[in-house]
Amino acid sequence: MESVTTYKDLVLWQKAMELVKLTYLLVKKLPKEETYALSDQMRRAAISIPSNIAEGNGRASKTEYRRFLDISRGSLYELETQLYIAVMLNFFNKNDVKEIFDLITEVNKMINSLITKLGK
């Protein structure tokens, strides 16, 4: 097993980057009138997840790192909620979002695990 030398080596960050990609591909399917509303919010939330993982990793203390992981998790929940809204409004069906929901679950577990490993 290789050691982690930068945030880019974290499987968590790599999975979060995949989440960004899937989100960008998905929002292209939204109606035009959602370009500056729901799709913009979804992209921002998705981008925030790996960005805060990276920023937290670069901080000087575990306390700060945990804080940025908490922010990342909040953005993850925000994205998840926005996806539920899109399904509720019939912009997507459950099959359209299954892969991204599965990845959200996986990333959430990884964030929680890393927070636990960092301790109090």
PDB file of N, CA and C in Angstrom:
ATOM      1  N   MET A   1       0.839  -1.176   0.000  1.00  0.00           N
ATOM      2  CA  MET A   1       0.000   0.000   0.000  1.00  0.00           C
ATOM      3  C   MET A   1       0.883   1.237   0.000  1.00  0.00           C
ATOM      4  N   GLU A   2       0.613   2.151  -0.922  1.00  0.00           N
ATOM      5  CA  GLU A   2       1.417   3.358  -1.029  1.00  0.00           C
ATOM      6  C   GLU A   2       1.008   4.372   0.027  1.00  0.00           C
ATOM      7  N   SER A   3       1.980   5.178   0.447  1.00  0.00           N
ATOM      8  CA  SER A   3       1.672   6.183   1.457  1.00  0.00           C
ATOM      9  C   SER A   3       1.082   7.431   0.815  1.00  0.00           C
ATOM     10  N   VAL A   4       0.399   8.187   1.634  1.00  0.00           N
ATOM     11  CA  VAL A   4      -0.212   9.430   1.192  1.00  0.00           C
ATOM     12  C   VAL A   4       0.787  10.554   1.401  1.00  0.00           C
ATOM     13  N   THR A   5       1.159  11.222   0.306  1.00  0.00           N
ATOM     14  CA  THR A   5       2.084  12.345   0.432  1.00  0.00           C
ATOM     15  C   THR A   5       1.409  13.682   0.148  1.00  0.00           C
ATOM     16  N   THR A   6       0.356  13.665  -0.641  1.00  0.00           N
ATOM     17  CA  THR A   6      -0.428  14.879  -0.894  1.00  0.00           C
ATOM     18  C   THR A   6      -1.906  14.508  -0.875  1.00  0.00           C
ATOM     19  N   TYR A   7      -2.746  15.506  -0.840  1.00  0.00           N
ATOM     20  CA  TYR A   7      -4.195  15.260  -0.857  1.00  0.00           C
ATOM     21  C   TYR A   7      -4.616  14.486  -2.104  1.00  0.00           C
ATOM     22  N   LYS A   8      -3.851  14.626  -3.194  1.00  0.00           N
ATOM     23  CA  LYS A   8      -4.203  13.922  -4.433  1.00  0.00           C
ATOM     24  C   LYS A   8      -4.047  12.413  -4.303  1.00  0.00           C
ATOM     25  N   ASP A   9      -3.292  11.970  -3.303  1.00  0.00           N
ATOM     26  CA  ASP A   9      -3.125  10.538  -3.055  1.00  0.00           C
ATOM     27  C   ASP A   9      -4.287   9.943  -2.260  1.00  0.00           C
ATOM     28  N   LEU A  10      -5.108  10.796  -1.663  1.00  0.00           N
ATOM     29  CA  LEU A  10      -6.232  10.315  -0.863  1.00  0.00           C
ATOM     30  C   LEU A  10      -7.319   9.728  -1.770  1.00  0.00           C
ATOM     31  N   VAL A  11      -7.704   8.494  -1.522  1.00  0.00           N
ATOM     32  CA  VAL A  11      -8.793   7.879  -2.280  1.00  0.00           C
ATOM     33  C   VAL A  11     -10.065   8.697  -2.089  1.00  0.00           C
ATOM     34  N   LEU A  12     -10.242   9.266  -0.904  1.00  0.00           N
ATOM     35  CA  LEU A  12     -11.393  10.125  -0.631  1.00  0.00           C
ATOM     36  C   LEU A  12     -11.442  11.295  -1.606  1.00  0.00           C
ATOM     37  N   TRP A  13     -10.338  11.974  -1.797  1.00  0.00           N
ATOM     38  CA  TRP A  13     -10.284  13.112  -2.725  1.00  0.00           C
ATOM     39  C   TRP A  13     -10.556  12.651  -4.153  1.00  0.00           C
ATOM     40  N   GLN A  14      -9.981  11.514  -4.538  1.00  0.00           N
ATOM     41  CA  GLN A  14     -10.177  10.978  -5.885  1.00  0.00           C
ATOM     42  C   GLN A  14     -11.652  10.642  -6.129  1.00  0.00           C
ATOM     43  N   LYS A  15     -12.308  10.048  -5.139  1.00  0.00           N
ATOM     44  CA  LYS A  15     -13.737   9.719  -5.266  1.00  0.00           C
ATOM     45  C   LYS A  15     -14.563  11.010  -5.335  1.00  0.00           C
ATOM     46  N   ALA A  16     -14.186  12.012  -4.553  1.00  0.00           N
ATOM     47  CA  ALA A  16     -14.896  13.294  -4.580  1.00  0.00           C
ATOM     48  C   ALA A  16     -14.735  13.969  -5.943  1.00  0.00           C
ATOM     49  N   MET A  17     -13.579  13.827  -6.558  1.00  0.00           N
ATOM     50  CA  MET A  17     -13.367  14.368  -7.900  1.00  0.00           C
ATOM     51  C   MET A  17     -14.254  13.649  -8.918  1.00  0.00           C
ATOM     52  N   GLU A  18     -14.417  12.353  -8.754  1.00  0.00           N
ATOM     53  CA  GLU A  18     -15.323  11.586  -9.620  1.00  0.00           C
ATOM     54  C   GLU A  18     -16.760  12.078  -9.439  1.00  0.00           C
ATOM     55  N   LEU A  19     -17.106  12.425  -8.222  1.00  0.00           N
ATOM     56  CA  LEU A  19     -18.433  12.970  -7.938  1.00  0.00           C
ATOM     57  C   LEU A  19     -18.652  14.291  -8.682  1.00  0.00           C
ATOM     58  N   VAL A  20     -17.626  15.113  -8.755  1.00  0.00           N
ATOM     59  CA  VAL A  20     -17.715  16.368  -9.519  1.00  0.00           C
ATOM     60  C   VAL A  20     -17.994  16.053 -10.988  1.00  0.00           C
ATOM     61  N   LYS A  21     -17.245  15.118 -11.528  1.00  0.00           N
ATOM     62  CA  LYS A  21     -17.420  14.752 -12.938  1.00  0.00           C
ATOM     63  C   LYS A  21     -18.824  14.247 -13.216  1.00  0.00           C
ATOM     64  N   LEU A  22     -19.315  13.347 -12.379  1.00  0.00           N
ATOM     65  CA  LEU A  22     -20.660  12.801 -12.569  1.00  0.00           C
ATOM     66  C   LEU A  22     -21.722  13.888 -12.432  1.00  0.00           C
ATOM     67  N   THR A  23     -21.509  14.808 -11.513  1.00  0.00           N
ATOM     68  CA  THR A  23     -22.459  15.910 -11.329  1.00  0.00           C
ATOM     69  C   THR A  23     -22.504  16.787 -12.572  1.00  0.00           C
ATOM     70  N   TYR A  24     -21.344  17.133 -13.105  1.00  0.00           N
ATOM     71  CA  TYR A  24     -21.308  17.970 -14.310  1.00  0.00           C
ATOM     72  C   TYR A  24     -21.995  17.286 -15.485  1.00  0.00           C
ATOM     73  N   LEU A  25     -21.781  15.994 -15.629  1.00  0.00           N
ATOM     74  CA  LEU A  25     -22.441  15.253 -16.713  1.00  0.00           C
ATOM     75  C   LEU A  25     -23.952  15.207 -16.509  1.00  0.00           C
ATOM     76  N   LEU A  26     -24.378  15.049 -15.265  1.00  0.00           N
ATOM     77  CA  LEU A  26     -25.798  14.953 -14.971  1.00  0.00           C
ATOM     78  C   LEU A  26     -26.524  16.277 -15.186  1.00  0.00           C
ATOM     79  N   VAL A  27     -25.949  17.372 -14.728  1.00  0.00           N
ATOM     80  CA  VAL A  27     -26.664  18.654 -14.821  1.00  0.00           C
ATOM     81  C   VAL A  27     -26.844  19.113 -16.263  1.00  0.00           C
ATOM     82  N   LYS A  28     -26.073  18.565 -17.168  1.00  0.00           N
ATOM     83  CA  LYS A  28     -26.278  18.893 -18.587  1.00  0.00           C
ATOM     84  C   LYS A  28     -27.655  18.450 -19.068  1.00  0.00           C
ATOM     85  N   LYS A  29     -28.266  17.520 -18.341  1.00  0.00           N
ATOM     86  CA  LYS A  29     -29.578  16.994 -18.713  1.00  0.00           C
ATOM     87  C   LYS A  29     -30.728  17.827 -18.136  1.00  0.00           C
ATOM     88  N   LEU A  30     -30.403  18.807 -17.294  1.00  0.00           N
ATOM     89  CA  LEU A  30     -31.453  19.648 -16.714  1.00  0.00           C
ATOM     90  C   LEU A  30     -32.019  20.593 -17.769  1.00  0.00           C
ATOM     91  N   PRO A  31     -33.262  21.023 -17.592  1.00  0.00           N
ATOM     92  CA  PRO A  31     -33.842  21.987 -18.537  1.00  0.00           C
ATOM     93  C   PRO A  31     -33.057  23.300 -18.539  1.00  0.00           C
ATOM     94  N   LYS A  32     -33.105  23.998 -19.642  1.00  0.00           N
ATOM     95  CA  LYS A  32     -32.366  25.259 -19.803  1.00  0.00           C
ATOM     96  C   LYS A  32     -32.687  26.261 -18.700  1.00  0.00           C
ATOM     97  N   GLU A  33     -33.954  26.300 -18.271  1.00  0.00           N
ATOM     98  CA  GLU A  33     -34.330  27.287 -17.252  1.00  0.00           C
ATOM     99  C   GLU A  33     -33.668  27.028 -15.902  1.00  0.00           C
ATOM    100  N   GLU A  34     -33.056  25.873 -15.736  1.00  0.00           N
ATOM    101  CA  GLU A  34     -32.348  25.550 -14.498  1.00  0.00           C
ATOM    102  C   GLU A  34     -30.843  25.829 -14.586  1.00  0.00           C
ATOM    103  N   THR A  35     -30.383  26.384 -15.698  1.00  0.00           N
ATOM    104  CA  THR A  35     -28.956  26.623 -15.897  1.00  0.00           C
ATOM    105  C   THR A  35     -28.352  27.469 -14.798  1.00  0.00           C
ATOM    106  N   TYR A  36     -29.065  28.514 -14.369  1.00  0.00           N
ATOM    107  CA  TYR A  36     -28.500  29.406 -13.359  1.00  0.00           C
ATOM    108  C   TYR A  36     -29.121  29.202 -11.990  1.00  0.00           C
ATOM    109  N   ALA A  37     -29.856  28.142 -11.828  1.00  0.00           N
ATOM    110  CA  ALA A  37     -30.478  27.861 -10.540  1.00  0.00           C
ATOM    111  C   ALA A  37     -29.954  26.526 -10.007  1.00  0.00           C
ATOM    112  N   LEU A  38     -30.724  25.482 -10.190  1.00  0.00           N
ATOM    113  CA  LEU A  38     -30.383  24.192  -9.614  1.00  0.00           C
ATOM    114  C   LEU A  38     -29.055  23.650 -10.138  1.00  0.00           C
ATOM    115  N   SER A  39     -28.822  23.723 -11.431  1.00  0.00           N
ATOM    116  CA  SER A  39     -27.571  23.162 -11.965  1.00  0.00           C
ATOM    117  C   SER A  39     -26.357  23.902 -11.427  1.00  0.00           C
ATOM    118  N   ASP A  40     -26.460  25.217 -11.300  1.00  0.00           N
ATOM    119  CA  ASP A  40     -25.350  26.005 -10.759  1.00  0.00           C
ATOM    120  C   ASP A  40     -25.084  25.636  -9.300  1.00  0.00           C
ATOM    121  N   GLN A  41     -26.148  25.501  -8.513  1.00  0.00           N
ATOM    122  CA  GLN A  41     -26.017  25.111  -7.107  1.00  0.00           C
ATOM    123  C   GLN A  41     -25.401  23.723  -6.973  1.00  0.00           C
ATOM    124  N   MET A  42     -25.832  22.803  -7.831  1.00  0.00           N
ATOM    125  CA  MET A  42     -25.305  21.441  -7.770  1.00  0.00           C
ATOM    126  C   MET A  42     -23.819  21.402  -8.115  1.00  0.00           C
ATOM    127  N   ARG A  43     -23.434  22.149  -9.132  1.00  0.00           N
ATOM    128  CA  ARG A  43     -22.006  22.197  -9.494  1.00  0.00           C
ATOM    129  C   ARG A  43     -21.178  22.799  -8.367  1.00  0.00           C
ATOM    130  N   ARG A  44     -21.657  23.879  -7.768  1.00  0.00           N
ATOM    131  CA  ARG A  44     -20.924  24.529  -6.672  1.00  0.00           C
ATOM    132  C   ARG A  44     -20.769  23.591  -5.477  1.00  0.00           C
ATOM    133  N   ALA A  45     -21.843  22.897  -5.123  1.00  0.00           N
ATOM    134  CA  ALA A  45     -21.777  21.960  -3.995  1.00  0.00           C
ATOM    135  C   ALA A  45     -20.781  20.839  -4.289  1.00  0.00           C
ATOM    136  N   ALA A  46     -20.850  20.298  -5.498  1.00  0.00           N
ATOM    137  CA  ALA A  46     -19.941  19.202  -5.873  1.00  0.00           C
ATOM    138  C   ALA A  46     -18.489  19.651  -5.839  1.00  0.00           C
ATOM    139  N   ILE A  47     -18.209  20.831  -6.368  1.00  0.00           N
ATOM    140  CA  ILE A  47     -16.841  21.361  -6.389  1.00  0.00           C
ATOM    141  C   ILE A  47     -16.315  21.580  -4.978  1.00  0.00           C
ATOM    142  N   SER A  48     -17.200  21.981  -4.092  1.00  0.00           N
ATOM    143  CA  SER A  48     -16.802  22.268  -2.711  1.00  0.00           C
ATOM    144  C   SER A  48     -16.296  21.026  -1.977  1.00  0.00           C
ATOM    145  N   ILE A  49     -16.770  19.865  -2.349  1.00  0.00           N
ATOM    146  CA  ILE A  49     -16.411  18.638  -1.627  1.00  0.00           C
ATOM    147  C   ILE A  49     -14.913  18.335  -1.739  1.00  0.00           C
ATOM    148  N   PRO A  50     -14.351  18.115  -2.936  1.00  0.00           N
ATOM    149  CA  PRO A  50     -12.902  17.844  -2.993  1.00  0.00           C
ATOM    150  C   PRO A  50     -12.066  19.074  -2.651  1.00  0.00           C
ATOM    151  N   SER A  51     -12.603  20.259  -2.905  1.00  0.00           N
ATOM    152  CA  SER A  51     -11.848  21.484  -2.605  1.00  0.00           C
ATOM    153  C   SER A  51     -11.592  21.609  -1.106  1.00  0.00           C
ATOM    154  N   ASN A  52     -12.603  21.333  -0.296  1.00  0.00           N
ATOM    155  CA  ASN A  52     -12.432  21.422   1.151  1.00  0.00           C
ATOM    156  C   ASN A  52     -11.601  20.272   1.704  1.00  0.00           C
ATOM    157  N   ILE A  53     -11.674  19.116   1.078  1.00  0.00           N
ATOM    158  CA  ILE A  53     -10.795  18.006   1.469  1.00  0.00           C
ATOM    159  C   ILE A  53      -9.342  18.417   1.250  1.00  0.00           C
ATOM    160  N   ALA A  54      -9.070  18.986   0.089  1.00  0.00           N
ATOM    161  CA  ALA A  54      -7.708  19.426  -0.231  1.00  0.00           C
ATOM    162  C   ALA A  54      -7.252  20.543   0.704  1.00  0.00           C
ATOM    163  N   GLU A  55      -8.111  21.539   0.912  1.00  0.00           N
ATOM    164  CA  GLU A  55      -7.729  22.657   1.768  1.00  0.00           C
ATOM    165  C   GLU A  55      -7.475  22.199   3.199  1.00  0.00           C
ATOM    166  N   GLY A  56      -8.344  21.335   3.702  1.00  0.00           N
ATOM    167  CA  GLY A  56      -8.152  20.819   5.056  1.00  0.00           C
ATOM    168  C   GLY A  56      -6.863  20.039   5.199  1.00  0.00           C
ATOM    169  N   ASN A  57      -6.537  19.259   4.174  1.00  0.00           N
ATOM    170  CA  ASN A  57      -5.303  18.488   4.190  1.00  0.00           C
ATOM    171  C   ASN A  57      -4.077  19.386   4.257  1.00  0.00           C
ATOM    172  N   GLY A  58      -4.198  20.576   3.706  1.00  0.00           N
ATOM    173  CA  GLY A  58      -3.067  21.507   3.705  1.00  0.00           C
ATOM    174  C   GLY A  58      -2.956  22.354   4.958  1.00  0.00           C
ATOM    175  N   ARG A  59      -3.891  22.224   5.867  1.00  0.00           N
ATOM    176  CA  ARG A  59      -3.870  23.013   7.092  1.00  0.00           C
ATOM    177  C   ARG A  59      -2.878  22.453   8.095  1.00  0.00           C
ATOM    178  N   ALA A  60      -2.513  23.303   9.037  1.00  0.00           N
ATOM    179  CA  ALA A  60      -1.442  22.967   9.976  1.00  0.00           C
ATOM    180  C   ALA A  60      -1.882  22.066  11.126  1.00  0.00           C
ATOM    181  N   SER A  61      -3.166  21.989  11.401  1.00  0.00           N
ATOM    182  CA  SER A  61      -3.595  21.200  12.559  1.00  0.00           C
ATOM    183  C   SER A  61      -4.706  20.227  12.194  1.00  0.00           C
ATOM    184  N   LYS A  62      -4.829  19.186  13.009  1.00  0.00           N
ATOM    185  CA  LYS A  62      -5.900  18.208  12.825  1.00  0.00           C
ATOM    186  C   LYS A  62      -7.264  18.849  13.056  1.00  0.00           C
ATOM    187  N   THR A  63      -7.317  19.802  13.977  1.00  0.00           N
ATOM    188  CA  THR A  63      -8.575  20.485  14.265  1.00  0.00           C
ATOM    189  C   THR A  63      -9.078  21.221  13.028  1.00  0.00           C
ATOM    190  N   GLU A  64      -8.181  21.921  12.360  1.00  0.00           N
ATOM    191  CA  GLU A  64      -8.566  22.634  11.136  1.00  0.00           C
ATOM    192  C   GLU A  64      -8.949  21.644  10.035  1.00  0.00           C
ATOM    193  N   TYR A  65      -8.187  20.570   9.920  1.00  0.00           N
ATOM    194  CA  TYR A  65      -8.473  19.546   8.915  1.00  0.00           C
ATOM    195  C   TYR A  65      -9.882  18.999   9.126  1.00  0.00           C
ATOM    196  N   ARG A  66     -10.226  18.668  10.380  1.00  0.00           N
ATOM    197  CA  ARG A  66     -11.567  18.159  10.685  1.00  0.00           C
ATOM    198  C   ARG A  66     -12.640  19.182  10.320  1.00  0.00           C
ATOM    199  N   ARG A  67     -12.366  20.450  10.584  1.00  0.00           N
ATOM    200  CA  ARG A  67     -13.336  21.504  10.270  1.00  0.00           C
ATOM    201  C   ARG A  67     -13.631  21.543   8.768  1.00  0.00           C
ATOM    202  N   PHE A  68     -12.575  21.425   7.944  1.00  0.00           N
ATOM    203  CA  PHE A  68     -12.780  21.437   6.501  1.00  0.00           C
ATOM    204  C   PHE A  68     -13.450  20.152   6.015  1.00  0.00           C
ATOM    205  N   LEU A  69     -13.204  19.036   6.688  1.00  0.00           N
ATOM    206  CA  LEU A  69     -13.913  17.804   6.353  1.00  0.00           C
ATOM    207  C   LEU A  69     -15.391  17.933   6.695  1.00  0.00           C
ATOM    208  N   ASP A  70     -15.691  18.626   7.806  1.00  0.00           N
ATOM    209  CA  ASP A  70     -17.089  18.892   8.158  1.00  0.00           C
ATOM    210  C   ASP A  70     -17.769  19.748   7.087  1.00  0.00           C
ATOM    211  N   ILE A  71     -17.063  20.750   6.589  1.00  0.00           N
ATOM    212  CA  ILE A  71     -17.600  21.597   5.520  1.00  0.00           C
ATOM    213  C   ILE A  71     -17.842  20.764   4.261  1.00  0.00           C
ATOM    214  N   SER A  72     -16.883  19.906   3.956  1.00  0.00           N
ATOM    215  CA  SER A  72     -17.008  19.026   2.797  1.00  0.00           C
ATOM    216  C   SER A  72     -18.236  18.127   2.929  1.00  0.00           C
ATOM    217  N   ARG A  73     -18.432  17.585   4.121  1.00  0.00           N
ATOM    218  CA  ARG A  73     -19.595  16.726   4.360  1.00  0.00           C
ATOM    219  C   ARG A  73     -20.893  17.525   4.213  1.00  0.00           C
ATOM    220  N   GLY A  74     -20.890  18.757   4.678  1.00  0.00           N
ATOM    221  CA  GLY A  74     -22.060  19.616   4.513  1.00  0.00           C
ATOM    222  C   GLY A  74     -22.389  19.835   3.048  1.00  0.00           C
ATOM    223  N   SER A  75     -21.368  20.059   2.233  1.00  0.00           N
ATOM    224  CA  SER A  75     -21.570  20.224   0.790  1.00  0.00           C
ATOM    225  C   SER A  75     -22.070  18.938   0.154  1.00  0.00           C
ATOM    226  N   LEU A  76     -21.612  17.817   0.665  1.00  0.00           N
ATOM    227  CA  LEU A  76     -22.071  16.515   0.184  1.00  0.00           C
ATOM    228  C   LEU A  76     -23.575  16.363   0.441  1.00  0.00           C
ATOM    229  N   TYR A  77     -24.010  16.730   1.649  1.00  0.00           N
ATOM    230  CA  TYR A  77     -25.434  16.663   1.978  1.00  0.00           C
ATOM    231  C   TYR A  77     -26.239  17.663   1.151  1.00  0.00           C
ATOM    232  N   GLU A  78     -25.643  18.809   0.886  1.00  0.00           N
ATOM    233  CA  GLU A  78     -26.306  19.804   0.045  1.00  0.00           C
ATOM    234  C   GLU A  78     -26.544  19.239  -1.355  1.00  0.00           C
ATOM    235  N   LEU A  79     -25.517  18.635  -1.931  1.00  0.00           N
ATOM    236  CA  LEU A  79     -25.647  18.027  -3.255  1.00  0.00           C
ATOM    237  C   LEU A  79     -26.694  16.922  -3.250  1.00  0.00           C
ATOM    238  N   GLU A  80     -26.669  16.099  -2.228  1.00  0.00           N
ATOM    239  CA  GLU A  80     -27.643  15.011  -2.127  1.00  0.00           C
ATOM    240  C   GLU A  80     -29.071  15.570  -2.097  1.00  0.00           C
ATOM    241  N   THR A  81     -29.287  16.616  -1.323  1.00  0.00           N
ATOM    242  CA  THR A  81     -30.599  17.243  -1.233  1.00  0.00           C
ATOM    243  C   THR A  81     -31.033  17.809  -2.581  1.00  0.00           C
ATOM    244  N   GLN A  82     -30.119  18.444  -3.269  1.00  0.00           N
ATOM    245  CA  GLN A  82     -30.431  19.008  -4.580  1.00  0.00           C
ATOM    246  C   GLN A  82     -30.790  17.916  -5.580  1.00  0.00           C
ATOM    247  N   LEU A  83     -30.154  16.782  -5.471  1.00  0.00           N
ATOM    248  CA  LEU A  83     -30.508  15.652  -6.331  1.00  0.00           C
ATOM    249  C   LEU A  83     -31.916  15.140  -6.016  1.00  0.00           C
ATOM    250  N   TYR A  84     -32.241  15.067  -4.731  1.00  0.00           N
ATOM    251  CA  TYR A  84     -33.603  14.672  -4.355  1.00  0.00           C
ATOM    252  C   TYR A  84     -34.624  15.665  -4.911  1.00  0.00           C
ATOM    253  N   ILE A  85     -34.296  16.948  -4.862  1.00  0.00           N
ATOM    254  CA  ILE A  85     -35.188  17.971  -5.419  1.00  0.00           C
ATOM    255  C   ILE A  85     -35.376  17.753  -6.916  1.00  0.00           C
ATOM    256  N   ALA A  86     -34.267  17.501  -7.624  1.00  0.00           N
ATOM    257  CA  ALA A  86     -34.340  17.284  -9.071  1.00  0.00           C
ATOM    258  C   ALA A  86     -35.191  16.068  -9.416  1.00  0.00           C
ATOM    259  N   VAL A  87     -35.098  15.021  -8.610  1.00  0.00           N
ATOM    260  CA  VAL A  87     -35.932  13.828  -8.827  1.00  0.00           C
ATOM    261  C   VAL A  87     -37.385  14.153  -8.504  1.00  0.00           C
ATOM    262  N   MET A  88     -37.611  14.862  -7.403  1.00  0.00           N
ATOM    263  CA  MET A  88     -38.968  15.232  -7.003  1.00  0.00           C
ATOM    264  C   MET A  88     -39.670  16.069  -8.076  1.00  0.00           C
ATOM    265  N   LEU A  89     -38.893  16.927  -8.748  1.00  0.00           N
ATOM    266  CA  LEU A  89     -39.443  17.778  -9.802  1.00  0.00           C
ATOM    267  C   LEU A  89     -39.473  17.084 -11.168  1.00  0.00           C
ATOM    268  N   ASN A  90     -39.120  15.794 -11.170  1.00  0.00           N
ATOM    269  CA  ASN A  90     -39.122  14.960 -12.378  1.00  0.00           C
ATOM    270  C   ASN A  90     -38.117  15.415 -13.442  1.00  0.00           C
ATOM    271  N   PHE A  91     -37.049  16.063 -13.009  1.00  0.00           N
ATOM    272  CA  PHE A  91     -35.971  16.378 -13.945  1.00  0.00           C
ATOM    273  C   PHE A  91     -35.137  15.124 -14.217  1.00  0.00           C
ATOM    274  N   PHE A  92     -35.031  14.256 -13.211  1.00  0.00           N
ATOM    275  CA  PHE A  92     -34.312  12.985 -13.329  1.00  0.00           C
ATOM    276  C   PHE A  92     -35.190  11.897 -12.740  1.00  0.00           C
ATOM    277  N   ASN A  93     -34.922  10.654 -13.188  1.00  0.00           N
ATOM    278  CA  ASN A  93     -35.561   9.533 -12.517  1.00  0.00           C
ATOM    279  C   ASN A  93     -34.524   8.868 -11.617  1.00  0.00           C
ATOM    280  N   LYS A  94     -34.970   7.915 -10.831  1.00  0.00           N
ATOM    281  CA  LYS A  94     -34.068   7.284  -9.856  1.00  0.00           C
ATOM    282  C   LYS A  94     -32.884   6.580 -10.520  1.00  0.00           C
ATOM    283  N   ASN A  95     -33.075   6.049 -11.710  1.00  0.00           N
ATOM    284  CA  ASN A  95     -31.968   5.402 -12.417  1.00  0.00           C
ATOM    285  C   ASN A  95     -30.901   6.403 -12.843  1.00  0.00           C
ATOM    286  N   ASP A  96     -31.329   7.621 -13.179  1.00  0.00           N
ATOM    287  CA  ASP A  96     -30.383   8.662 -13.592  1.00  0.00           C
ATOM    288  C   ASP A  96     -29.403   9.013 -12.478  1.00  0.00           C
ATOM    289  N   VAL A  97     -29.876   8.912 -11.234  1.00  0.00           N
ATOM    290  CA  VAL A  97     -29.067   9.389 -10.107  1.00  0.00           C
ATOM    291  C   VAL A  97     -28.522   8.265  -9.226  1.00  0.00           C
ATOM    292  N   LYS A  98     -28.794   7.026  -9.563  1.00  0.00           N
ATOM    293  CA  LYS A  98     -28.359   5.916  -8.714  1.00  0.00           C
ATOM    294  C   LYS A  98     -26.847   5.904  -8.513  1.00  0.00           C
ATOM    295  N   GLU A  99     -26.086   6.013  -9.577  1.00  0.00           N
ATOM    296  CA  GLU A  99     -24.627   5.956  -9.465  1.00  0.00           C
ATOM    297  C   GLU A  99     -24.097   7.091  -8.591  1.00  0.00           C
ATOM    298  N   ILE A 100     -24.639   8.269  -8.767  1.00  0.00           N
ATOM    299  CA  ILE A 100     -24.159   9.411  -7.994  1.00  0.00           C
ATOM    300  C   ILE A 100     -24.577   9.289  -6.518  1.00  0.00           C
ATOM    301  N   PHE A 101     -25.788   8.775  -6.253  1.00  0.00           N
ATOM    302  CA  PHE A 101     -26.195   8.541  -4.866  1.00  0.00           C
ATOM    303  C   PHE A 101     -25.303   7.501  -4.198  1.00  0.00           C
ATOM    304  N   ASP A 102     -24.951   6.452  -4.930  1.00  0.00           N
ATOM    305  CA  ASP A 102     -24.045   5.433  -4.396  1.00  0.00           C
ATOM    306  C   ASP A 102     -22.688   6.037  -4.055  1.00  0.00           C
ATOM    307  N   LEU A 103     -22.194   6.893  -4.933  1.00  0.00           N
ATOM    308  CA  LEU A 103     -20.901   7.531  -4.689  1.00  0.00           C
ATOM    309  C   LEU A 103     -20.986   8.507  -3.510  1.00  0.00           C
ATOM    310  N   ILE A 104     -22.089   9.204  -3.376  1.00  0.00           N
ATOM    311  CA  ILE A 104     -22.287  10.091  -2.226  1.00  0.00           C
ATOM    312  C   ILE A 104     -22.211   9.294  -0.928  1.00  0.00           C
ATOM    313  N   THR A 105     -22.858   8.142  -0.900  1.00  0.00           N
ATOM    314  CA  THR A 105     -22.819   7.283   0.285  1.00  0.00           C
ATOM    315  C   THR A 105     -21.395   6.853   0.598  1.00  0.00           C
ATOM    316  N   GLU A 106     -20.668   6.462  -0.437  1.00  0.00           N
ATOM    317  CA  GLU A 106     -19.283   6.021  -0.255  1.00  0.00           C
ATOM    318  C   GLU A 106     -18.392   7.161   0.244  1.00  0.00           C
ATOM    319  N   VAL A 107     -18.506   8.322  -0.362  1.00  0.00           N
ATOM    320  CA  VAL A 107     -17.698   9.479   0.053  1.00  0.00           C
ATOM    321  C   VAL A 107     -18.046   9.879   1.483  1.00  0.00           C
ATOM    322  N   ASN A 108     -19.317   9.848   1.828  1.00  0.00           N
ATOM    323  CA  ASN A 108     -19.726  10.188   3.191  1.00  0.00           C
ATOM    324  C   ASN A 108     -19.072   9.252   4.210  1.00  0.00           C
ATOM    325  N   LYS A 109     -19.077   7.967   3.931  1.00  0.00           N
ATOM    326  CA  LYS A 109     -18.450   6.993   4.831  1.00  0.00           C
ATOM    327  C   LYS A 109     -16.958   7.270   4.964  1.00  0.00           C
ATOM    328  N   MET A 110     -16.324   7.632   3.863  1.00  0.00           N
ATOM    329  CA  MET A 110     -14.885   7.906   3.881  1.00  0.00           C
ATOM    330  C   MET A 110     -14.573   9.181   4.667  1.00  0.00           C
ATOM    331  N   ILE A 111     -15.408  10.194   4.521  1.00  0.00           N
ATOM    332  CA  ILE A 111     -15.208  11.431   5.287  1.00  0.00           C
ATOM    333  C   ILE A 111     -15.358  11.123   6.786  1.00  0.00           C
ATOM    334  N   ASN A 112     -16.410  10.390   7.146  1.00  0.00           N
ATOM    335  CA  ASN A 112     -16.636  10.058   8.545  1.00  0.00           C
ATOM    336  C   ASN A 112     -15.470   9.253   9.110  1.00  0.00           C
ATOM    337  N   SER A 113     -14.957   8.322   8.321  1.00  0.00           N
ATOM    338  CA  SER A 113     -13.824   7.506   8.761  1.00  0.00           C
ATOM    339  C   SER A 113     -12.579   8.358   8.990  1.00  0.00           C
ATOM    340  N   LEU A 114     -12.313   9.287   8.072  1.00  0.00           N
ATOM    341  CA  LEU A 114     -11.129  10.135   8.227  1.00  0.00           C
ATOM    342  C   LEU A 114     -11.274  11.056   9.428  1.00  0.00           C
ATOM    343  N   ILE A 115     -12.466  11.594   9.648  1.00  0.00           N
ATOM    344  CA  ILE A 115     -12.700  12.422  10.838  1.00  0.00           C
ATOM    345  C   ILE A 115     -12.422  11.616  12.108  1.00  0.00           C
ATOM    346  N   THR A 116     -12.894  10.379  12.132  1.00  0.00           N
ATOM    347  CA  THR A 116     -12.662   9.515  13.289  1.00  0.00           C
ATOM    348  C   THR A 116     -11.171   9.255  13.484  1.00  0.00           C
ATOM    349  N   LYS A 117     -10.452   8.989  12.392  1.00  0.00           N
ATOM    350  CA  LYS A 117      -9.013   8.728  12.479  1.00  0.00           C
ATOM    351  C   LYS A 117      -8.225   9.929  12.960  1.00  0.00           C
ATOM    352  N   LEU A 118      -8.698  11.110  12.620  1.00  0.00           N
ATOM    353  CA  LEU A 118      -8.004  12.320  13.075  1.00  0.00           C
ATOM    354  C   LEU A 118      -8.204  12.558  14.569  1.00  0.00           C
ATOM    355  N   GLY A 119      -9.229  11.948  15.153  1.00  0.00           N
ATOM    356  CA  GLY A 119      -9.458  12.056  16.592  1.00  0.00           C
ATOM    357  C   GLY A 119      -9.945  13.427  17.011  1.00  0.00           C
ATOM    358  N   LYS A 120     -10.018  13.596  18.319  1.00  0.00           N
ATOM    359  CA  LYS A 120     -10.518  14.864  18.863  1.00  0.00           C
ATOM    360  C   LYS A 120      -9.427  15.805  19.249  1.00  0.00           C
TER     361      LYS A 120
END
